Amino acid sequence: MTLVEVLIVIAVTICFAVLFITGNMDSKAKAQRINCVSNLKQIGVAFRLWEGNGDKYPMAVSVTNGGTMELIAPGKAYVLWQTLSNQLSFPKFLWCPADAKTAPATNFSTGFGDANISYFVNPDAAESYPQMILDGDDNLLVDGKPVQPGILNLWTNQTVAWTKDRHHGVGNIGMADGSAQQVTSEGLRQANLVTLGTNSATGRLLIP
């Protein structure tokens, strides 16, 4: 083979390698998004299985009645999920495989905490308002700044969006009716406006 032919073979080989790697990366990202949506659907089922005390979710029910209203007030997300542990069965449902900043827990007790959770929760969500956001990926930007752990007060005049470090600029949300969907940042903003309009001019998110 001549030098030109060798170079052509090398170039073609490199092109095929790049296409193969890119295809694998796209397949992995798609699988992670599907897994994440599946998690949120499972979480939605857990909320609906738990609900009682006037068809309320645990964050709207007092501790004296088995809920977590007072416990999540300081901004600790993990106590909510411990209350739902019987309905969820496995803490891995709380971890998005595209979230490099957290790790899945093996149980709901030993070592379990906010570092094992990838999803925010809307403490004011209720099944009676099915189009309200219940939960979703917690990689959020509010007015261009990453959110911090704790209770986030979100106003209608604030801009909410996804960061690009999880699902390539899109994200997943679960609704109060138990459904889940993938949305762009614009879709997230529209869903948030519906949520805030259902409740008031301001809303709350519990960020792990």
N, C-alpha and C. Protein backbone atom coordinates (compact mmCIF):
# COMPACT_ATOMS: atom_id res chain seq x y z
N MET A 1 0.84 -1.21 0.00
CA MET A 1 0.00 0.00 0.00
C MET A 1 0.88 1.26 0.00
N THR A 2 0.42 2.25 -0.69
CA THR A 2 1.15 3.51 -0.72
C THR A 2 0.85 4.29 0.56
N LEU A 3 1.65 5.31 0.79
CA LEU A 3 1.47 6.14 1.98
C LEU A 3 0.08 6.80 1.97
N VAL A 4 -0.37 7.23 0.79
CA VAL A 4 -1.68 7.87 0.68
C VAL A 4 -2.78 6.89 1.06
N GLU A 5 -2.66 5.65 0.59
CA GLU A 5 -3.67 4.63 0.91
C GLU A 5 -3.69 4.33 2.40
N VAL A 6 -2.52 4.28 2.99
CA VAL A 6 -2.45 4.03 4.45
C VAL A 6 -3.13 5.16 5.21
N LEU A 7 -2.87 6.38 4.81
CA LEU A 7 -3.48 7.54 5.46
C LEU A 7 -5.00 7.52 5.30
N ILE A 8 -5.48 7.11 4.12
CA ILE A 8 -6.91 7.02 3.88
C ILE A 8 -7.55 5.99 4.81
N VAL A 9 -6.89 4.82 4.94
CA VAL A 9 -7.39 3.76 5.82
C VAL A 9 -7.46 4.25 7.26
N ILE A 10 -6.40 4.95 7.69
CA ILE A 10 -6.37 5.47 9.07
C ILE A 10 -7.50 6.48 9.29
N ALA A 11 -7.70 7.36 8.30
CA ALA A 11 -8.74 8.38 8.41
C ALA A 11 -10.13 7.76 8.49
N VAL A 12 -10.38 6.75 7.65
CA VAL A 12 -11.68 6.06 7.67
C VAL A 12 -11.89 5.35 9.00
N THR A 13 -10.83 4.71 9.51
CA THR A 13 -10.92 4.01 10.79
C THR A 13 -11.26 4.98 11.92
N ILE A 14 -10.63 6.14 11.91
CA ILE A 14 -10.91 7.16 12.93
C ILE A 14 -12.36 7.63 12.85
N CYS A 15 -12.85 7.83 11.63
CA CYS A 15 -14.24 8.27 11.45
C CYS A 15 -15.22 7.25 12.02
N PHE A 16 -14.98 5.97 11.73
CA PHE A 16 -15.85 4.91 12.24
C PHE A 16 -15.78 4.85 13.77
N ALA A 17 -14.59 5.05 14.32
CA ALA A 17 -14.43 5.02 15.78
C ALA A 17 -15.20 6.15 16.44
N VAL A 18 -15.11 7.34 15.83
CA VAL A 18 -15.84 8.50 16.36
C VAL A 18 -17.34 8.27 16.31
N LEU A 19 -17.83 7.75 15.18
CA LEU A 19 -19.26 7.46 15.05
C LEU A 19 -19.72 6.42 16.06
N PHE A 20 -18.89 5.41 16.29
CA PHE A 20 -19.23 4.35 17.24
C PHE A 20 -19.32 4.90 18.66
N ILE A 21 -18.33 5.71 19.04
CA ILE A 21 -18.30 6.28 20.39
C ILE A 21 -19.47 7.23 20.60
N THR A 22 -19.73 8.08 19.59
CA THR A 22 -20.84 9.03 19.68
C THR A 22 -22.17 8.31 19.81
N GLY A 23 -22.33 7.25 19.02
CA GLY A 23 -23.57 6.47 19.08
C GLY A 23 -23.77 5.83 20.44
N ASN A 24 -22.68 5.32 21.02
CA ASN A 24 -22.78 4.72 22.35
C ASN A 24 -23.13 5.76 23.40
N MET A 25 -22.55 6.95 23.28
CA MET A 25 -22.85 8.02 24.23
C MET A 25 -24.30 8.45 24.14
N ASP A 26 -24.83 8.56 22.91
CA ASP A 26 -26.22 8.94 22.72
C ASP A 26 -27.15 7.88 23.29
N SER A 27 -26.81 6.60 23.08
CA SER A 27 -27.63 5.51 23.61
C SER A 27 -27.64 5.51 25.13
N LYS A 28 -26.47 5.78 25.72
CA LYS A 28 -26.38 5.82 27.18
C LYS A 28 -27.20 6.97 27.74
N ALA A 29 -27.10 8.15 27.10
CA ALA A 29 -27.87 9.31 27.57
C ALA A 29 -29.36 9.06 27.46
N LYS A 30 -29.80 8.42 26.38
CA LYS A 30 -31.21 8.12 26.20
C LYS A 30 -31.70 7.15 27.27
N ALA A 31 -30.88 6.14 27.56
CA ALA A 31 -31.23 5.15 28.59
C ALA A 31 -31.34 5.82 29.96
N GLN A 32 -30.45 6.77 30.23
CA GLN A 32 -30.49 7.48 31.51
C GLN A 32 -31.75 8.33 31.63
N ARG A 33 -32.15 8.99 30.53
CA ARG A 33 -33.38 9.81 30.56
C ARG A 33 -34.60 8.93 30.79
N ILE A 34 -34.65 7.78 30.12
CA ILE A 34 -35.78 6.86 30.29
C ILE A 34 -35.84 6.35 31.72
N ASN A 35 -34.67 6.01 32.26
CA ASN A 35 -34.60 5.53 33.64
C ASN A 35 -35.08 6.59 34.61
N CYS A 36 -34.69 7.83 34.35
CA CYS A 36 -35.07 8.95 35.22
C CYS A 36 -36.59 9.15 35.20
N VAL A 37 -37.19 9.13 34.03
CA VAL A 37 -38.65 9.27 33.92
C VAL A 37 -39.34 8.12 34.65
N SER A 38 -38.79 6.92 34.51
CA SER A 38 -39.34 5.76 35.19
C SER A 38 -39.29 5.94 36.71
N ASN A 39 -38.18 6.50 37.21
CA ASN A 39 -38.06 6.78 38.64
C ASN A 39 -39.17 7.71 39.12
N LEU A 40 -39.38 8.80 38.36
CA LEU A 40 -40.38 9.78 38.76
C LEU A 40 -41.80 9.20 38.73
N LYS A 41 -42.05 8.31 37.79
CA LYS A 41 -43.35 7.64 37.77
C LYS A 41 -43.52 6.75 38.99
N GLN A 42 -42.45 6.05 39.35
CA GLN A 42 -42.51 5.20 40.54
C GLN A 42 -42.72 6.03 41.80
N ILE A 43 -42.06 7.18 41.86
CA ILE A 43 -42.24 8.08 43.00
C ILE A 43 -43.67 8.59 43.05
N GLY A 44 -44.23 8.91 41.88
CA GLY A 44 -45.62 9.36 41.83
C GLY A 44 -46.58 8.31 42.36
N VAL A 45 -46.31 7.05 42.02
CA VAL A 45 -47.13 5.95 42.53
C VAL A 45 -47.02 5.87 44.05
N ALA A 46 -45.79 6.04 44.56
CA ALA A 46 -45.57 5.98 46.01
C ALA A 46 -46.35 7.06 46.73
N PHE A 47 -46.36 8.27 46.20
CA PHE A 47 -47.13 9.35 46.81
C PHE A 47 -48.62 9.01 46.85
N ARG A 48 -49.13 8.48 45.77
CA ARG A 48 -50.56 8.18 45.71
C ARG A 48 -50.92 7.00 46.61
N LEU A 49 -49.99 6.06 46.78
CA LEU A 49 -50.24 4.96 47.70
C LEU A 49 -50.26 5.45 49.15
N TRP A 50 -49.42 6.43 49.44
CA TRP A 50 -49.35 6.94 50.81
C TRP A 50 -50.53 7.83 51.17
N GLU A 51 -50.98 8.60 50.21
CA GLU A 51 -51.92 9.68 50.53
C GLU A 51 -53.10 9.19 51.37
N GLY A 52 -53.47 10.03 52.24
CA GLY A 52 -54.57 9.78 53.16
C GLY A 52 -54.80 11.08 53.91
N ASN A 53 -55.41 11.00 55.06
CA ASN A 53 -55.61 12.21 55.86
C ASN A 53 -56.20 13.35 55.02
N GLY A 54 -57.29 13.06 54.33
CA GLY A 54 -57.91 14.07 53.48
C GLY A 54 -57.28 14.15 52.11
N ASP A 55 -56.78 13.01 51.60
CA ASP A 55 -56.16 12.95 50.27
C ASP A 55 -54.97 13.89 50.13
N LYS A 56 -54.20 14.03 51.18
CA LYS A 56 -53.01 14.88 51.16
C LYS A 56 -51.75 14.04 51.08
N TYR A 57 -50.70 14.64 50.48
CA TYR A 57 -49.41 14.00 50.44
C TYR A 57 -48.69 14.27 51.77
N PRO A 58 -47.67 13.47 52.13
CA PRO A 58 -47.07 13.57 53.47
C PRO A 58 -46.53 14.93 53.85
N MET A 59 -46.02 15.71 52.88
CA MET A 59 -45.46 17.01 53.23
C MET A 59 -46.53 18.02 53.63
N ALA A 60 -47.83 17.68 53.41
CA ALA A 60 -48.93 18.56 53.80
C ALA A 60 -49.65 18.03 55.04
N VAL A 61 -49.10 16.98 55.65
CA VAL A 61 -49.71 16.35 56.82
C VAL A 61 -48.78 16.51 58.01
N SER A 62 -49.34 16.86 59.16
CA SER A 62 -48.55 17.07 60.37
C SER A 62 -47.89 15.76 60.83
N VAL A 63 -46.78 15.91 61.53
CA VAL A 63 -46.07 14.75 62.07
C VAL A 63 -46.98 13.95 62.99
N THR A 64 -47.83 14.62 63.74
CA THR A 64 -48.73 13.93 64.67
C THR A 64 -49.69 13.00 63.96
N ASN A 65 -49.90 13.22 62.66
CA ASN A 65 -50.78 12.36 61.87
C ASN A 65 -49.99 11.49 60.89
N GLY A 66 -48.68 11.36 61.12
CA GLY A 66 -47.86 10.49 60.30
C GLY A 66 -47.20 11.15 59.11
N GLY A 67 -47.35 12.47 58.96
CA GLY A 67 -46.76 13.18 57.83
C GLY A 67 -45.40 13.79 58.15
N THR A 68 -44.97 14.72 57.31
CA THR A 68 -43.63 15.30 57.46
C THR A 68 -43.64 16.83 57.42
N MET A 69 -44.79 17.44 57.60
CA MET A 69 -44.90 18.88 57.42
C MET A 69 -43.84 19.64 58.23
N GLU A 70 -43.74 19.36 59.51
CA GLU A 70 -42.79 20.09 60.35
C GLU A 70 -41.35 19.64 60.11
N LEU A 71 -41.18 18.38 59.73
CA LEU A 71 -39.83 17.85 59.56
C LEU A 71 -39.11 18.43 58.35
N ILE A 72 -39.85 18.74 57.29
CA ILE A 72 -39.18 19.27 56.09
C ILE A 72 -39.02 20.78 56.14
N ALA A 73 -39.64 21.43 57.12
CA ALA A 73 -39.56 22.89 57.21
C ALA A 73 -38.12 23.40 57.26
N PRO A 74 -37.19 22.72 57.95
CA PRO A 74 -35.80 23.19 57.96
C PRO A 74 -35.07 22.94 56.64
N GLY A 75 -35.70 22.22 55.70
CA GLY A 75 -35.08 21.98 54.40
C GLY A 75 -34.42 20.63 54.24
N LYS A 76 -34.71 19.69 55.14
CA LYS A 76 -34.13 18.35 55.03
C LYS A 76 -35.06 17.48 54.18
N ALA A 77 -34.59 17.14 52.99
CA ALA A 77 -35.44 16.39 52.06
C ALA A 77 -35.54 14.91 52.42
N TYR A 78 -34.47 14.35 52.96
CA TYR A 78 -34.43 12.89 53.14
C TYR A 78 -35.51 12.37 54.08
N VAL A 79 -35.97 13.20 55.04
CA VAL A 79 -36.98 12.72 55.99
C VAL A 79 -38.31 12.44 55.29
N LEU A 80 -38.59 13.18 54.22
CA LEU A 80 -39.80 12.93 53.44
C LEU A 80 -39.75 11.54 52.82
N TRP A 81 -38.60 11.21 52.25
CA TRP A 81 -38.47 9.92 51.57
C TRP A 81 -38.43 8.76 52.55
N GLN A 82 -37.93 9.00 53.75
CA GLN A 82 -37.99 7.95 54.76
C GLN A 82 -39.44 7.63 55.13
N THR A 83 -40.29 8.65 55.13
CA THR A 83 -41.70 8.44 55.41
C THR A 83 -42.36 7.62 54.30
N LEU A 84 -41.84 7.75 53.08
CA LEU A 84 -42.39 7.03 51.93
C LEU A 84 -41.66 5.71 51.65
N SER A 85 -40.80 5.30 52.56
CA SER A 85 -39.94 4.13 52.29
C SER A 85 -40.74 2.86 52.05
N ASN A 86 -41.85 2.67 52.74
CA ASN A 86 -42.66 1.46 52.53
C ASN A 86 -43.27 1.44 51.14
N GLN A 87 -43.63 2.61 50.63
CA GLN A 87 -44.26 2.70 49.31
C GLN A 87 -43.22 2.65 48.18
N LEU A 88 -42.03 3.19 48.44
CA LEU A 88 -40.99 3.21 47.41
C LEU A 88 -40.22 1.89 47.34
N SER A 89 -40.05 1.26 48.49
CA SER A 89 -39.32 -0.02 48.61
C SER A 89 -37.81 0.12 48.44
N PHE A 90 -37.36 0.80 47.39
CA PHE A 90 -35.92 0.90 47.12
C PHE A 90 -35.49 2.36 46.98
N PRO A 91 -34.46 2.80 47.73
CA PRO A 91 -34.00 4.19 47.64
C PRO A 91 -33.37 4.53 46.30
N LYS A 92 -33.04 3.52 45.50
CA LYS A 92 -32.43 3.79 44.20
C LYS A 92 -33.37 4.57 43.28
N PHE A 93 -34.69 4.49 43.53
CA PHE A 93 -35.63 5.26 42.72
C PHE A 93 -35.43 6.76 42.89
N LEU A 94 -34.72 7.17 43.92
CA LEU A 94 -34.50 8.59 44.20
C LEU A 94 -33.23 9.13 43.53
N TRP A 95 -32.54 8.26 42.81
CA TRP A 95 -31.26 8.64 42.19
C TRP A 95 -31.36 8.58 40.67
N CYS A 96 -31.01 9.70 40.04
CA CYS A 96 -30.96 9.75 38.57
C CYS A 96 -29.59 9.26 38.11
N PRO A 97 -29.52 8.27 37.21
CA PRO A 97 -28.23 7.73 36.76
C PRO A 97 -27.37 8.74 36.01
N ALA A 98 -27.95 9.88 35.60
CA ALA A 98 -27.16 10.92 34.94
C ALA A 98 -26.63 11.94 35.94
N ASP A 99 -26.94 11.76 37.22
CA ASP A 99 -26.52 12.69 38.26
C ASP A 99 -25.17 12.25 38.82
N ALA A 100 -24.12 12.94 38.42
CA ALA A 100 -22.77 12.58 38.86
C ALA A 100 -22.43 13.11 40.25
N LYS A 101 -23.31 13.94 40.81
CA LYS A 101 -23.02 14.57 42.10
C LYS A 101 -23.58 13.80 43.29
N THR A 102 -24.39 12.78 43.03
CA THR A 102 -24.96 11.99 44.11
C THR A 102 -24.68 10.50 43.85
N ALA A 103 -25.02 9.69 44.84
CA ALA A 103 -24.85 8.24 44.71
C ALA A 103 -26.07 7.55 45.29
N PRO A 104 -26.48 6.42 44.71
CA PRO A 104 -27.67 5.74 45.23
C PRO A 104 -27.40 5.13 46.61
N ALA A 105 -28.43 5.14 47.46
CA ALA A 105 -28.32 4.54 48.78
C ALA A 105 -28.73 3.07 48.71
N THR A 106 -28.30 2.30 49.68
CA THR A 106 -28.66 0.88 49.72
C THR A 106 -29.89 0.63 50.59
N ASN A 107 -30.20 1.60 51.48
CA ASN A 107 -31.38 1.48 52.33
C ASN A 107 -31.81 2.87 52.78
N PHE A 108 -32.93 2.94 53.48
CA PHE A 108 -33.48 4.23 53.90
C PHE A 108 -33.04 4.64 55.31
N SER A 109 -32.11 3.90 55.89
CA SER A 109 -31.72 4.22 57.27
C SER A 109 -30.23 4.51 57.37
N THR A 110 -29.39 3.50 57.32
CA THR A 110 -27.95 3.68 57.54
C THR A 110 -27.32 4.53 56.45
N GLY A 111 -26.84 5.71 56.85
CA GLY A 111 -26.14 6.58 55.91
C GLY A 111 -27.01 7.30 54.91
N PHE A 112 -28.32 7.09 54.96
CA PHE A 112 -29.21 7.71 53.98
C PHE A 112 -29.35 9.20 54.26
N GLY A 113 -29.24 10.02 53.21
CA GLY A 113 -29.36 11.47 53.38
C GLY A 113 -29.61 12.16 52.06
N ASP A 114 -29.55 13.48 52.08
CA ASP A 114 -29.82 14.26 50.88
C ASP A 114 -28.81 13.99 49.77
N ALA A 115 -27.62 13.50 50.11
CA ALA A 115 -26.59 13.20 49.11
C ALA A 115 -26.96 11.99 48.26
N ASN A 116 -28.04 11.30 48.61
CA ASN A 116 -28.51 10.14 47.85
C ASN A 116 -29.74 10.45 47.01
N ILE A 117 -30.08 11.74 46.90
CA ILE A 117 -31.34 12.14 46.26
C ILE A 117 -31.06 13.08 45.09
N SER A 118 -31.70 12.81 43.95
CA SER A 118 -31.49 13.62 42.74
C SER A 118 -32.69 14.51 42.40
N TYR A 119 -33.75 14.43 43.19
CA TYR A 119 -35.00 15.09 42.79
C TYR A 119 -35.52 16.09 43.83
N PHE A 120 -36.00 17.22 43.34
CA PHE A 120 -36.69 18.17 44.21
C PHE A 120 -38.14 17.73 44.40
N VAL A 121 -38.80 18.31 45.40
CA VAL A 121 -40.22 18.06 45.65
C VAL A 121 -40.93 19.38 45.88
N ASN A 122 -42.14 19.47 45.38
CA ASN A 122 -42.99 20.62 45.64
C ASN A 122 -43.82 20.32 46.88
N PRO A 123 -43.51 20.94 48.04
CA PRO A 123 -44.23 20.62 49.27
C PRO A 123 -45.72 20.95 49.21
N ASP A 124 -46.13 21.79 48.26
CA ASP A 124 -47.52 22.22 48.18
C ASP A 124 -48.33 21.44 47.14
N ALA A 125 -47.70 20.44 46.51
CA ALA A 125 -48.41 19.65 45.49
C ALA A 125 -49.53 18.82 46.12
N ALA A 126 -50.61 18.67 45.38
CA ALA A 126 -51.76 17.89 45.85
C ALA A 126 -52.41 17.22 44.65
N GLU A 127 -52.91 16.03 44.85
CA GLU A 127 -53.52 15.30 43.74
C GLU A 127 -54.75 16.02 43.20
N SER A 128 -55.38 16.84 44.03
CA SER A 128 -56.56 17.58 43.59
C SER A 128 -56.21 18.64 42.55
N TYR A 129 -54.91 18.94 42.40
CA TYR A 129 -54.43 19.85 41.35
C TYR A 129 -53.48 19.06 40.46
N PRO A 130 -53.99 18.22 39.58
CA PRO A 130 -53.17 17.26 38.82
C PRO A 130 -52.10 17.88 37.95
N GLN A 131 -52.24 19.14 37.53
CA GLN A 131 -51.26 19.76 36.65
C GLN A 131 -50.15 20.49 37.40
N MET A 132 -50.16 20.38 38.72
CA MET A 132 -49.06 20.94 39.51
C MET A 132 -47.83 20.05 39.39
N ILE A 133 -46.66 20.67 39.41
CA ILE A 133 -45.42 19.92 39.46
C ILE A 133 -45.29 19.30 40.86
N LEU A 134 -45.02 18.01 40.91
CA LEU A 134 -44.80 17.32 42.18
C LEU A 134 -43.31 17.21 42.49
N ASP A 135 -42.53 16.83 41.50
CA ASP A 135 -41.10 16.64 41.71
C ASP A 135 -40.36 16.71 40.38
N GLY A 136 -39.06 16.57 40.42
CA GLY A 136 -38.28 16.62 39.18
C GLY A 136 -36.80 16.66 39.45
N ASP A 137 -36.01 16.63 38.38
CA ASP A 137 -34.56 16.74 38.49
C ASP A 137 -34.20 18.01 39.25
N ASP A 138 -33.25 17.90 40.18
CA ASP A 138 -32.93 19.07 41.01
C ASP A 138 -31.80 19.92 40.45
N ASN A 139 -31.35 19.64 39.22
CA ASN A 139 -30.29 20.47 38.62
C ASN A 139 -30.92 21.70 37.98
N LEU A 140 -31.33 22.61 38.84
CA LEU A 140 -32.09 23.80 38.40
C LEU A 140 -31.26 25.06 38.46
N LEU A 141 -31.58 25.98 37.56
CA LEU A 141 -31.07 27.34 37.61
C LEU A 141 -32.26 28.27 37.84
N VAL A 142 -32.11 29.18 38.77
CA VAL A 142 -33.12 30.21 39.00
C VAL A 142 -32.47 31.56 38.77
N ASP A 143 -32.97 32.27 37.78
CA ASP A 143 -32.36 33.54 37.35
C ASP A 143 -30.87 33.35 37.05
N GLY A 144 -30.55 32.20 36.44
CA GLY A 144 -29.20 31.94 35.99
C GLY A 144 -28.26 31.39 37.05
N LYS A 145 -28.73 31.19 38.29
CA LYS A 145 -27.87 30.71 39.36
C LYS A 145 -28.31 29.33 39.82
N PRO A 146 -27.37 28.41 40.07
CA PRO A 146 -27.73 27.06 40.56
C PRO A 146 -28.44 27.15 41.91
N VAL A 147 -29.45 26.33 42.10
CA VAL A 147 -30.18 26.33 43.37
C VAL A 147 -29.34 25.69 44.46
N GLN A 148 -29.64 26.03 45.69
CA GLN A 148 -28.93 25.50 46.84
C GLN A 148 -29.86 24.59 47.65
N PRO A 149 -29.32 23.64 48.41
CA PRO A 149 -30.17 22.75 49.22
C PRO A 149 -31.03 23.52 50.21
N GLY A 150 -32.22 22.99 50.46
CA GLY A 150 -33.13 23.62 51.40
C GLY A 150 -34.45 23.99 50.75
N ILE A 151 -35.21 24.83 51.41
CA ILE A 151 -36.49 25.31 50.88
C ILE A 151 -36.23 26.49 49.95
N LEU A 152 -36.63 26.36 48.70
CA LEU A 152 -36.50 27.43 47.71
C LEU A 152 -37.86 28.08 47.50
N ASN A 153 -37.94 29.38 47.76
CA ASN A 153 -39.16 30.13 47.47
C ASN A 153 -39.06 30.65 46.04
N LEU A 154 -40.00 30.24 45.21
CA LEU A 154 -39.95 30.53 43.78
C LEU A 154 -41.11 31.44 43.40
N TRP A 155 -40.80 32.58 42.79
CA TRP A 155 -41.81 33.56 42.41
C TRP A 155 -42.09 33.50 40.91
N THR A 156 -43.25 34.01 40.52
CA THR A 156 -43.65 33.95 39.11
C THR A 156 -42.75 34.80 38.22
N ASN A 157 -42.11 35.82 38.77
CA ASN A 157 -41.25 36.68 37.94
C ASN A 157 -39.81 36.18 37.87
N GLN A 158 -39.54 35.01 38.43
CA GLN A 158 -38.21 34.43 38.33
C GLN A 158 -38.14 33.44 37.17
N THR A 159 -36.96 33.34 36.58
CA THR A 159 -36.76 32.45 35.45
C THR A 159 -36.11 31.16 35.93
N VAL A 160 -36.76 30.04 35.64
CA VAL A 160 -36.24 28.74 36.03
C VAL A 160 -35.84 27.96 34.79
N ALA A 161 -34.72 27.24 34.88
CA ALA A 161 -34.20 26.48 33.73
C ALA A 161 -33.39 25.30 34.25
N TRP A 162 -33.02 24.41 33.30
CA TRP A 162 -32.16 23.28 33.66
C TRP A 162 -30.70 23.66 33.45
N THR A 163 -29.82 23.10 34.26
CA THR A 163 -28.39 23.17 33.95
C THR A 163 -28.12 22.17 32.83
N LYS A 164 -26.92 22.18 32.29
CA LYS A 164 -26.59 21.30 31.16
C LYS A 164 -25.79 20.07 31.61
N ASP A 165 -25.67 19.86 32.91
CA ASP A 165 -24.78 18.80 33.38
C ASP A 165 -25.47 17.47 33.65
N ARG A 166 -26.74 17.32 33.22
CA ARG A 166 -27.40 16.05 33.51
C ARG A 166 -28.02 15.44 32.25
N HIS A 167 -29.04 16.05 31.68
CA HIS A 167 -29.71 15.47 30.50
C HIS A 167 -29.53 16.37 29.27
N HIS A 168 -28.36 16.95 29.16
CA HIS A 168 -28.02 17.78 27.99
C HIS A 168 -29.01 18.94 27.79
N GLY A 169 -29.32 19.63 28.88
CA GLY A 169 -30.14 20.83 28.77
C GLY A 169 -31.63 20.61 28.85
N VAL A 170 -32.08 19.36 28.97
CA VAL A 170 -33.50 19.09 29.22
C VAL A 170 -33.58 18.40 30.58
N GLY A 171 -34.80 18.15 31.04
CA GLY A 171 -34.95 17.51 32.34
C GLY A 171 -36.28 16.81 32.45
N ASN A 172 -36.50 16.19 33.58
CA ASN A 172 -37.72 15.42 33.81
C ASN A 172 -38.47 15.95 35.02
N ILE A 173 -39.80 15.98 34.91
CA ILE A 173 -40.64 16.40 36.02
C ILE A 173 -41.76 15.39 36.23
N GLY A 174 -42.17 15.24 37.48
CA GLY A 174 -43.33 14.43 37.80
C GLY A 174 -44.47 15.36 38.18
N MET A 175 -45.69 14.99 37.82
CA MET A 175 -46.86 15.82 38.09
C MET A 175 -47.65 15.25 39.27
N ALA A 176 -48.50 16.08 39.84
CA ALA A 176 -49.26 15.68 41.03
C ALA A 176 -50.22 14.53 40.75
N ASP A 177 -50.55 14.29 39.49
CA ASP A 177 -51.43 13.17 39.16
C ASP A 177 -50.67 11.85 39.00
N GLY A 178 -49.34 11.87 39.21
CA GLY A 178 -48.54 10.66 39.13
C GLY A 178 -47.85 10.45 37.80
N SER A 179 -48.12 11.28 36.81
CA SER A 179 -47.46 11.15 35.50
C SER A 179 -46.08 11.81 35.55
N ALA A 180 -45.28 11.54 34.52
CA ALA A 180 -43.94 12.13 34.43
C ALA A 180 -43.64 12.42 32.97
N GLN A 181 -42.82 13.43 32.73
CA GLN A 181 -42.52 13.81 31.36
C GLN A 181 -41.17 14.50 31.27
N GLN A 182 -40.58 14.45 30.07
CA GLN A 182 -39.34 15.16 29.80
C GLN A 182 -39.68 16.50 29.18
N VAL A 183 -39.05 17.57 29.66
CA VAL A 183 -39.35 18.91 29.16
C VAL A 183 -38.06 19.70 28.97
N THR A 184 -38.12 20.66 28.08
CA THR A 184 -37.03 21.61 27.89
C THR A 184 -37.12 22.66 29.00
N SER A 185 -36.18 23.58 29.01
CA SER A 185 -36.24 24.67 29.99
C SER A 185 -37.50 25.51 29.79
N GLU A 186 -37.89 25.71 28.55
CA GLU A 186 -39.11 26.47 28.27
C GLU A 186 -40.32 25.69 28.78
N GLY A 187 -40.34 24.38 28.56
CA GLY A 187 -41.43 23.56 29.06
C GLY A 187 -41.49 23.59 30.58
N LEU A 188 -40.33 23.61 31.22
CA LEU A 188 -40.27 23.70 32.68
C LEU A 188 -40.86 25.02 33.16
N ARG A 189 -40.52 26.11 32.48
CA ARG A 189 -41.04 27.42 32.87
C ARG A 189 -42.56 27.46 32.74
N GLN A 190 -43.09 26.91 31.66
CA GLN A 190 -44.53 26.91 31.47
C GLN A 190 -45.22 26.06 32.53
N ALA A 191 -44.66 24.89 32.83
CA ALA A 191 -45.24 24.02 33.85
C ALA A 191 -45.17 24.69 35.22
N ASN A 192 -44.09 25.42 35.47
CA ASN A 192 -43.95 26.11 36.74
C ASN A 192 -44.96 27.24 36.88
N LEU A 193 -45.22 27.95 35.78
CA LEU A 193 -46.22 29.03 35.83
C LEU A 193 -47.60 28.47 36.11
N VAL A 194 -47.92 27.31 35.53
CA VAL A 194 -49.20 26.65 35.82
C VAL A 194 -49.27 26.27 37.29
N THR A 195 -48.16 25.74 37.80
CA THR A 195 -48.10 25.32 39.20
C THR A 195 -48.30 26.50 40.13
N LEU A 196 -47.58 27.59 39.87
CA LEU A 196 -47.70 28.77 40.72
C LEU A 196 -49.08 29.41 40.59
N GLY A 197 -49.62 29.41 39.38
CA GLY A 197 -50.95 29.97 39.18
C GLY A 197 -52.02 29.18 39.89
N THR A 198 -51.79 27.88 40.04
CA THR A 198 -52.75 27.04 40.76
C THR A 198 -52.78 27.38 42.23
N ASN A 199 -51.60 27.74 42.76
CA ASN A 199 -51.48 27.91 44.20
C ASN A 199 -51.47 29.39 44.62
N SER A 200 -50.49 30.14 44.15
CA SER A 200 -50.36 31.55 44.52
C SER A 200 -49.28 32.17 43.65
N ALA A 201 -48.87 33.38 43.99
CA ALA A 201 -47.82 34.05 43.23
C ALA A 201 -46.43 33.50 43.55
N THR A 202 -46.33 32.72 44.59
CA THR A 202 -45.05 32.14 44.96
C THR A 202 -45.25 30.67 45.31
N GLY A 203 -44.22 29.90 45.11
CA GLY A 203 -44.28 28.47 45.44
C GLY A 203 -43.01 28.06 46.15
N ARG A 204 -43.00 26.82 46.61
CA ARG A 204 -41.84 26.32 47.32
C ARG A 204 -41.35 25.03 46.67
N LEU A 205 -40.04 24.88 46.66
CA LEU A 205 -39.43 23.62 46.24
C LEU A 205 -38.50 23.16 47.33
N LEU A 206 -38.51 21.89 47.63
CA LEU A 206 -37.59 21.30 48.59
C LEU A 206 -36.43 20.70 47.82
N ILE A 207 -35.25 21.32 47.94
CA ILE A 207 -34.07 20.90 47.18
C ILE A 207 -33.16 20.07 48.08
N PRO A 208 -32.81 18.84 47.69
CA PRO A 208 -31.94 18.01 48.54
C PRO A 208 -30.49 18.52 48.54
